[in-house]
Amino acid sequence: MKRDIYDEDHEDFRASVRQWLERSVIPNTDKYIADKALPREFWLEAGANGFLGLSIPEEYGGAGADDFRFNAVLEEELAKVGAAFPTCVGIHVDITAPYIVELGTEEQKKRWLPGVSSGEILLAIGMTEPSGGSDLAALRTTAVRDGDEWVINGSKTFITNGYSADLVVVAARTDPEKGPKGITLFAVESTKEGFSRGRKLDKVGMEESDTAELFFENVRVTDAEVVGEVDMGFIHMMQKLPQERISCAVANTHHAKQILVETLQYAKDRKAFGQSIGNFQHNKFLLAELFTQIEVCEAYIDKCVAAHARGELTSTEAAKAKWWSSQTQSEVLDHCVQLHGGYGFMNEYRVARAWRDARVTKIWAGSNEIMKELIGRELGL
């Protein structure tokens, strides 16, 4: 079925992204896996091509596109290369940058956004803690007022871009008496005294993504580093989570779709018992089911992207998109591994890496169980 959410400008942008990926990224994917990180050259080149500042106003070095469909196109093309790419870029472009663009002061925007757009300032967001994942209201990192400064103590874990980030938006408790209403966001530069990083975490998948623990030991910041309003951090995060979730959904869908397309070709080429394995009725029916499943998922995600571009996507709709796409991706890729037989279990095959990479998407950005809880509440349960 023909997709109808993109126009000529979006497709021209897609061609530009694809050209960059084919020229500079795809030839280096094995190196990124070995290094367990995307090098600064990746970010600088992405910035030079205008891919990192899509929603950043032109006066701060961005593209000023203000149309989430461009972000979605970028996510789609990155996902075709590997699941880690839309993850890392999405954290920078779709998830963290909007906090500064929409909540930052004029001084903060001038101070950080040009570097965010160029790739000279790499972003990460510090929400998740060792003691709790999806329960953001229970975070233990604190920021205590000391004269004109705030003193931050605590730790964060599973932080994408954490090992390389230059600027981290950190959620910290500023008023223990207020519960969720006592959390504030701070922009912490990695050069701050008392800020440190743990090792690159050894993950099951997404090896290209540098993921780290972050530590804050008496890190001093001022009101100039407060993002948004004091004690309003939890509300700020809740307002931004739908964009994170629809970004994940776009990546989930198009990562699985690309591997499925490659699996179809494998099923045509691979011979067994005198014929292509795709010609066996079971495999033929299975592939018919998988392509239908992906295209139905894509249709819903497209509708969500269009709604978000209009400013109409609800948090419940984003939750549905996130859990359904991550579940669909895992199911489709599991079948793709099976269709590859023993080769599907070899790391040298993209399908094996994709299968491993996909598993975490049912956990992060709010676990699928949390997504269903949110949807259930909306149903009045």
Protein backbone atom coordinates (compact mmCIF):
# COMPACT_ATOMS: atom_id res chain seq x y z
CA MET A 1 0.00 0.00 0.00
CA LYS A 2 1.35 3.41 -0.97
CA ARG A 3 2.30 5.59 1.97
CA ASP A 4 0.88 9.11 1.93
CA ILE A 5 2.45 11.04 4.82
CA TYR A 6 5.53 12.32 2.98
CA ASP A 7 5.80 14.89 0.21
CA GLU A 8 8.57 15.69 -2.26
CA ASP A 9 10.62 17.65 0.27
CA HIS A 10 10.64 14.70 2.64
CA GLU A 11 11.69 12.30 -0.10
CA ASP A 12 14.48 14.65 -1.23
CA PHE A 13 15.64 14.71 2.37
CA ARG A 14 15.48 10.91 2.48
CA ALA A 15 17.71 10.70 -0.59
CA SER A 16 20.22 13.00 1.09
CA VAL A 17 20.28 10.89 4.26
CA ARG A 18 20.64 7.68 2.28
CA GLN A 19 23.50 9.09 0.23
CA TRP A 20 25.38 10.04 3.40
CA LEU A 21 24.78 6.62 4.95
CA GLU A 22 25.97 4.76 1.88
CA ARG A 23 29.04 6.97 1.51
CA SER A 24 30.24 7.38 5.08
CA VAL A 25 28.40 5.15 7.54
CA ILE A 26 27.71 1.72 6.07
CA PRO A 27 31.39 1.09 5.12
CA ASN A 28 32.36 1.68 8.78
CA THR A 29 29.72 -0.29 10.66
CA ASP A 30 32.10 -3.11 11.65
CA LYS A 31 34.49 -0.56 13.13
CA TYR A 32 31.69 1.04 15.14
CA ILE A 33 30.77 -2.36 16.55
CA ALA A 34 34.39 -3.08 17.52
CA ASP A 35 34.75 0.32 19.20
CA LYS A 36 31.32 0.06 20.89
CA ALA A 37 30.62 3.66 19.94
CA LEU A 38 29.97 6.06 17.11
CA PRO A 39 33.06 8.25 16.65
CA ARG A 40 32.96 12.03 16.78
CA GLU A 41 33.52 12.08 13.01
CA PHE A 42 30.10 10.46 12.62
CA TRP A 43 28.46 13.25 14.60
CA LEU A 44 30.38 16.07 12.94
CA GLU A 45 29.53 14.81 9.48
CA ALA A 46 25.88 14.33 10.43
CA GLY A 47 25.89 17.89 11.73
CA ALA A 48 27.56 19.26 8.61
CA ASN A 49 24.82 17.62 6.53
CA GLY A 50 22.12 19.31 8.60
CA PHE A 51 20.76 16.12 10.19
CA LEU A 52 21.24 17.01 13.88
CA GLY A 53 19.39 20.30 14.09
CA LEU A 54 16.11 19.51 12.37
CA SER A 55 13.90 21.10 15.04
CA ILE A 56 16.44 23.69 16.16
CA PRO A 57 15.66 27.25 14.95
CA GLU A 58 17.92 28.65 12.27
CA GLU A 59 19.21 31.45 14.53
CA TYR A 60 20.89 28.75 16.65
CA GLY A 61 22.41 26.87 13.73
CA GLY A 62 19.59 24.43 13.07
CA ALA A 63 17.34 23.71 10.12
CA GLY A 64 14.20 25.12 11.73
CA ALA A 65 12.15 22.45 9.99
CA ASP A 66 9.49 22.23 12.74
CA ASP A 67 8.00 19.18 11.01
CA PHE A 68 8.49 15.86 12.80
CA ARG A 69 8.10 14.00 9.53
CA PHE A 70 11.69 14.96 8.68
CA ASN A 71 12.80 13.41 11.97
CA ALA A 72 10.83 10.28 11.10
CA VAL A 73 12.51 10.01 7.68
CA LEU A 74 15.92 10.27 9.35
CA GLU A 75 14.95 7.56 11.87
CA GLU A 76 13.67 5.27 9.11
CA GLU A 77 16.85 5.45 7.06
CA LEU A 78 19.12 5.04 10.08
CA ALA A 79 17.10 2.01 11.21
CA LYS A 80 17.69 0.29 7.89
CA VAL A 81 21.43 0.35 8.62
CA GLY A 82 21.13 -0.92 12.19
CA ALA A 83 19.05 -0.44 15.32
CA ALA A 84 21.78 1.40 17.23
CA PHE A 85 21.90 4.31 14.77
CA PRO A 86 18.39 5.70 15.27
CA THR A 87 18.85 5.03 18.98
CA CYS A 88 21.94 7.20 19.37
CA VAL A 89 20.84 9.89 16.93
CA GLY A 90 17.31 9.84 18.32
CA ILE A 91 18.57 10.50 21.86
CA HIS A 92 20.44 13.53 20.53
CA VAL A 93 17.92 14.91 18.01
CA ASP A 94 14.45 13.77 19.06
CA ILE A 95 14.69 13.28 22.81
CA THR A 96 17.25 15.58 24.47
CA ALA A 97 17.52 18.60 22.15
CA PRO A 98 13.79 19.48 22.50
CA TYR A 99 14.27 20.09 26.22
CA ILE A 100 16.68 22.91 25.41
CA VAL A 101 14.76 24.17 22.36
CA GLU A 102 11.39 24.31 24.12
CA LEU A 103 12.31 24.88 27.76
CA GLY A 104 15.72 26.56 27.63
CA THR A 105 16.42 30.20 28.29
CA GLU A 106 17.76 32.43 25.53
CA GLU A 107 21.21 32.21 27.11
CA GLN A 108 21.05 28.41 27.19
CA LYS A 109 19.96 28.22 23.56
CA LYS A 110 22.81 30.46 22.41
CA ARG A 111 25.26 28.59 24.62
CA TRP A 112 24.47 25.03 23.53
CA LEU A 113 22.27 24.71 20.46
CA PRO A 114 24.83 25.71 17.79
CA GLY A 115 27.11 22.92 19.02
CA VAL A 116 24.21 20.48 19.21
CA SER A 117 23.40 21.25 15.57
CA SER A 118 26.99 20.88 14.40
CA GLY A 119 27.76 17.70 16.35
CA GLU A 120 30.37 19.42 18.51
CA ILE A 121 28.14 19.01 21.57
CA LEU A 122 26.78 15.47 21.93
CA LEU A 123 23.68 15.08 24.09
CA ALA A 124 22.42 12.44 26.49
CA ILE A 125 19.57 12.36 28.97
CA GLY A 126 19.97 11.09 32.53
CA MET A 127 16.68 9.63 33.75
CA THR A 128 17.17 5.93 34.56
CA GLU A 129 18.88 5.00 37.83
CA PRO A 130 20.33 1.73 39.18
CA SER A 131 17.52 1.48 41.73
CA GLY A 132 14.67 1.94 39.26
CA GLY A 133 13.91 2.09 35.56
CA SER A 134 10.41 3.00 34.45
CA ASP A 135 9.48 4.54 37.83
CA LEU A 136 10.85 8.03 37.17
CA ALA A 137 9.02 9.49 40.16
CA ALA A 138 11.15 7.38 42.53
CA LEU A 139 14.55 8.68 41.42
CA ARG A 140 17.19 9.18 44.12
CA THR A 141 19.66 11.59 42.52
CA THR A 142 19.41 14.83 44.49
CA ALA A 143 20.14 18.49 43.86
CA VAL A 144 20.43 20.46 47.09
CA ARG A 145 20.45 24.24 47.20
CA ASP A 146 23.67 25.75 48.59
CA GLY A 147 23.63 29.53 48.36
CA ASP A 148 23.57 30.48 44.68
CA GLU A 149 24.36 26.93 43.56
CA TRP A 150 22.83 23.47 43.39
CA VAL A 151 24.88 20.45 44.50
CA ILE A 152 24.04 17.25 42.59
CA ASN A 153 24.73 13.80 43.98
CA GLY A 154 23.66 10.45 42.59
CA SER A 155 24.06 8.15 39.61
CA LYS A 156 22.37 7.19 36.36
CA THR A 157 22.65 4.01 34.35
CA PHE A 158 21.89 2.60 30.89
CA ILE A 159 22.55 6.07 29.46
CA THR A 160 22.74 6.04 25.67
CA ASN A 161 25.56 8.33 24.40
CA GLY A 162 26.63 8.48 28.05
CA TYR A 163 30.27 7.61 27.46
CA SER A 164 30.74 10.33 24.82
CA ALA A 165 28.22 13.01 25.79
CA ASP A 166 29.35 16.58 26.30
CA LEU A 167 26.08 17.70 27.87
CA VAL A 168 23.63 15.62 29.90
CA VAL A 169 20.12 16.70 30.86
CA VAL A 170 19.81 15.23 34.35
CA ALA A 171 16.67 14.64 36.39
CA ALA A 172 17.30 15.26 40.09
CA ARG A 173 15.14 15.50 43.19
CA THR A 174 15.07 19.06 44.50
CA ASP A 175 12.25 18.74 47.04
CA PRO A 176 11.93 15.32 48.76
CA GLU A 177 8.60 16.33 50.31
CA LYS A 178 6.83 16.81 46.99
CA GLY A 179 7.34 13.39 45.40
CA PRO A 180 7.00 13.65 41.60
CA LYS A 181 6.38 17.38 41.97
CA GLY A 182 9.82 17.89 43.47
CA ILE A 183 12.02 16.96 40.48
CA THR A 184 14.07 19.43 38.44
CA LEU A 185 16.05 19.08 35.20
CA PHE A 186 19.65 20.32 34.99
CA ALA A 187 21.96 20.56 31.99
CA VAL A 188 25.31 19.25 33.23
CA GLU A 189 28.43 19.71 31.13
CA SER A 190 30.81 16.75 31.18
CA THR A 191 33.68 19.02 32.20
CA LYS A 192 32.06 19.79 35.56
CA GLU A 193 34.13 18.79 38.58
CA GLY A 194 32.60 15.76 40.25
CA PHE A 195 31.06 14.37 37.07
CA SER A 196 32.43 10.99 35.98
CA ARG A 197 31.52 8.02 33.82
CA GLY A 198 31.74 4.32 34.39
CA ARG A 199 32.80 1.82 31.77
CA LYS A 200 31.00 1.29 28.50
CA LEU A 201 28.35 -1.24 29.47
CA ASP A 202 28.66 -4.67 27.88
CA LYS A 203 25.24 -5.16 26.29
CA VAL A 204 23.60 -8.12 24.57
CA GLY A 205 23.01 -6.03 21.46
CA MET A 206 23.35 -2.56 19.96
CA GLU A 207 27.09 -2.68 20.33
CA GLU A 208 27.61 0.46 18.25
CA SER A 209 25.72 2.43 20.88
CA ASP A 210 27.91 3.68 23.72
CA THR A 211 25.96 3.10 26.91
CA ALA A 212 27.37 4.04 30.29
CA GLU A 213 26.83 4.70 33.96
CA LEU A 214 27.12 8.34 35.03
CA PHE A 215 28.15 9.52 38.49
CA PHE A 216 27.60 12.89 40.18
CA GLU A 217 29.65 13.61 43.27
CA ASN A 218 29.04 17.10 44.62
CA VAL A 219 28.62 18.49 41.11
CA ARG A 220 27.93 22.20 41.43
CA VAL A 221 25.67 24.01 38.99
CA THR A 222 23.79 27.29 39.05
CA ASP A 223 20.34 28.44 38.02
CA ALA A 224 21.86 28.98 34.56
CA GLU A 225 21.88 25.18 34.19
CA VAL A 226 18.26 24.63 35.27
CA VAL A 227 16.21 23.47 32.28
CA GLY A 228 12.59 24.53 32.52
CA GLU A 229 11.08 25.32 35.90
CA VAL A 230 12.32 24.21 39.31
CA ASP A 231 10.30 21.24 40.65
CA MET A 232 8.55 20.83 37.28
CA GLY A 233 10.95 18.26 35.84
CA PHE A 234 8.60 15.29 36.12
CA ILE A 235 5.89 17.15 34.22
CA HIS A 236 8.43 18.26 31.60
CA MET A 237 9.52 14.64 31.11
CA MET A 238 5.93 13.39 30.83
CA GLN A 239 5.26 16.01 28.15
CA LYS A 240 8.30 14.92 26.13
CA LEU A 241 7.92 11.14 26.43
CA PRO A 242 5.37 10.80 23.57
CA GLN A 243 7.99 12.03 21.08
CA GLU A 244 10.53 9.57 22.47
CA ARG A 245 8.03 6.75 22.10
CA ILE A 246 6.94 7.55 18.56
CA SER A 247 10.61 7.87 17.58
CA CYS A 248 11.21 4.40 18.99
CA ALA A 249 8.18 3.09 17.11
CA VAL A 250 9.43 4.45 13.79
CA ALA A 251 12.84 2.85 14.32
CA ASN A 252 11.34 -0.46 15.47
CA THR A 253 9.11 -0.76 12.44
CA HIS A 254 11.67 0.12 9.79
CA HIS A 255 14.47 -1.88 11.35
CA ALA A 256 12.27 -5.00 11.23
CA LYS A 257 10.96 -4.16 7.76
CA GLN A 258 14.46 -3.91 6.31
CA ILE A 259 15.59 -7.23 7.77
CA LEU A 260 12.37 -8.85 6.55
CA VAL A 261 13.05 -7.62 3.02
CA GLU A 262 16.55 -9.12 3.22
CA THR A 263 15.11 -12.35 4.59
CA LEU A 264 12.71 -12.59 1.66
CA GLN A 265 15.67 -12.40 -0.72
CA TYR A 266 17.47 -15.06 1.33
CA ALA A 267 14.40 -17.31 1.10
CA LYS A 268 14.44 -16.92 -2.68
CA ASP A 269 18.16 -17.63 -2.97
CA ARG A 270 18.58 -20.42 -0.41
CA LYS A 271 17.98 -23.88 -1.85
CA ALA A 272 16.92 -27.01 0.03
CA PHE A 273 15.43 -30.25 -1.26
CA GLY A 274 15.77 -29.02 -4.81
CA GLN A 275 13.97 -25.70 -4.51
CA SER A 276 14.10 -22.27 -2.89
CA ILE A 277 13.08 -22.47 0.76
CA GLY A 278 10.58 -19.65 0.16
CA ASN A 279 8.61 -21.96 -2.12
CA PHE A 280 7.72 -24.34 0.71
CA GLN A 281 4.13 -23.61 1.63
CA HIS A 282 4.85 -23.06 5.32
CA ASN A 283 7.54 -20.49 4.56
CA LYS A 284 5.45 -18.86 1.85
CA PHE A 285 2.50 -18.48 4.24
CA LEU A 286 4.80 -17.26 7.03
CA LEU A 287 6.37 -14.57 4.85
CA ALA A 288 2.90 -13.51 3.72
CA GLU A 289 1.91 -13.11 7.37
CA LEU A 290 5.08 -11.22 8.31
CA PHE A 291 4.84 -8.70 5.48
CA THR A 292 1.19 -8.10 6.28
CA GLN A 293 2.05 -7.67 9.96
CA ILE A 294 4.77 -5.14 9.22
CA GLU A 295 2.67 -3.13 6.76
CA VAL A 296 -0.27 -2.93 9.17
CA CYS A 297 2.11 -1.78 11.90
CA GLU A 298 3.65 0.76 9.53
CA ALA A 299 0.22 2.15 8.67
CA TYR A 300 -0.55 2.85 12.34
CA ILE A 301 2.90 4.34 12.98
CA ASP A 302 2.54 6.58 9.91
CA LYS A 303 -0.77 7.82 11.26
CA CYS A 304 0.87 8.56 14.63
CA VAL A 305 3.76 10.41 12.94
CA ALA A 306 1.32 12.56 10.98
CA ALA A 307 -0.66 13.28 14.14
CA HIS A 308 2.51 14.22 16.03
CA ALA A 309 3.60 16.54 13.22
CA ARG A 310 0.25 18.34 13.68
CA GLY A 311 0.70 18.42 17.46
CA GLU A 312 -2.21 16.04 17.99
CA LEU A 313 -0.59 12.77 19.11
CA THR A 314 -1.75 11.75 22.61
CA SER A 315 0.42 10.00 25.17
CA THR A 316 -1.84 6.94 24.99
CA GLU A 317 -1.51 6.72 21.20
CA ALA A 318 2.27 6.99 21.56
CA ALA A 319 2.20 4.22 24.16
CA LYS A 320 0.24 1.98 21.78
CA ALA A 321 2.74 2.70 19.00
CA LYS A 322 5.72 1.95 21.20
CA TRP A 323 4.56 -1.38 22.61
CA TRP A 324 2.97 -2.70 19.44
CA SER A 325 5.94 -1.85 17.20
CA SER A 326 8.51 -3.33 19.60
CA GLN A 327 6.48 -6.51 20.02
CA THR A 328 5.94 -6.78 16.27
CA GLN A 329 9.63 -6.21 15.60
CA SER A 330 10.67 -8.97 18.00
CA GLU A 331 8.19 -11.45 16.54
CA VAL A 332 9.14 -10.69 12.95
CA LEU A 333 12.87 -10.87 13.58
CA ASP A 334 12.55 -14.12 15.51
CA HIS A 335 10.90 -15.67 12.44
CA CYS A 336 13.60 -14.16 10.22
CA VAL A 337 16.27 -15.89 12.29
CA GLN A 338 14.38 -19.18 11.98
CA LEU A 339 14.14 -18.80 8.21
CA HIS A 340 17.91 -18.36 8.04
CA GLY A 341 18.45 -21.63 9.91
CA GLY A 342 21.89 -22.03 11.45
CA TYR A 343 23.16 -18.94 9.64
CA GLY A 344 20.61 -16.89 11.57
CA PHE A 345 22.59 -17.60 14.73
CA MET A 346 25.87 -16.30 13.30
CA ASN A 347 26.90 -12.76 14.23
CA GLU A 348 28.27 -12.19 10.74
CA TYR A 349 24.68 -12.22 9.47
CA ARG A 350 22.71 -9.01 9.91
CA VAL A 351 19.63 -10.93 10.95
CA ALA A 352 21.39 -12.28 14.05
CA ARG A 353 22.59 -8.85 15.14
CA ALA A 354 19.17 -7.34 14.41
CA TRP A 355 17.45 -10.02 16.52
CA ARG A 356 19.72 -9.24 19.48
CA ASP A 357 19.44 -5.49 19.01
CA ALA A 358 15.65 -5.56 18.96
CA ARG A 359 15.12 -7.23 22.33
CA VAL A 360 15.75 -4.12 24.42
CA THR A 361 13.05 -2.13 22.64
CA LYS A 362 10.40 -3.94 24.69
CA ILE A 363 12.14 -2.61 27.83
CA TRP A 364 13.29 0.96 27.25
CA ALA A 365 11.30 4.19 26.81
CA GLY A 366 8.93 2.63 29.33
CA SER A 367 8.57 -1.14 29.29
CA ASN A 368 5.76 -2.66 27.26
CA GLU A 369 4.05 -3.55 30.53
CA ILE A 370 4.10 0.12 31.55
CA MET A 371 2.70 1.06 28.13
CA LYS A 372 -0.22 -1.31 28.67
CA GLU A 373 -0.76 0.14 32.14
CA LEU A 374 -1.03 3.64 30.63
CA ILE A 375 -3.44 2.43 27.97
CA GLY A 376 -5.50 0.62 30.60
CA ARG A 377 -5.79 3.78 32.68
CA GLU A 378 -7.06 5.63 29.64
CA LEU A 379 -9.74 2.94 29.36
CA GLY A 380 -10.85 3.82 32.87
CA LEU A 381 -9.44 0.68 34.48
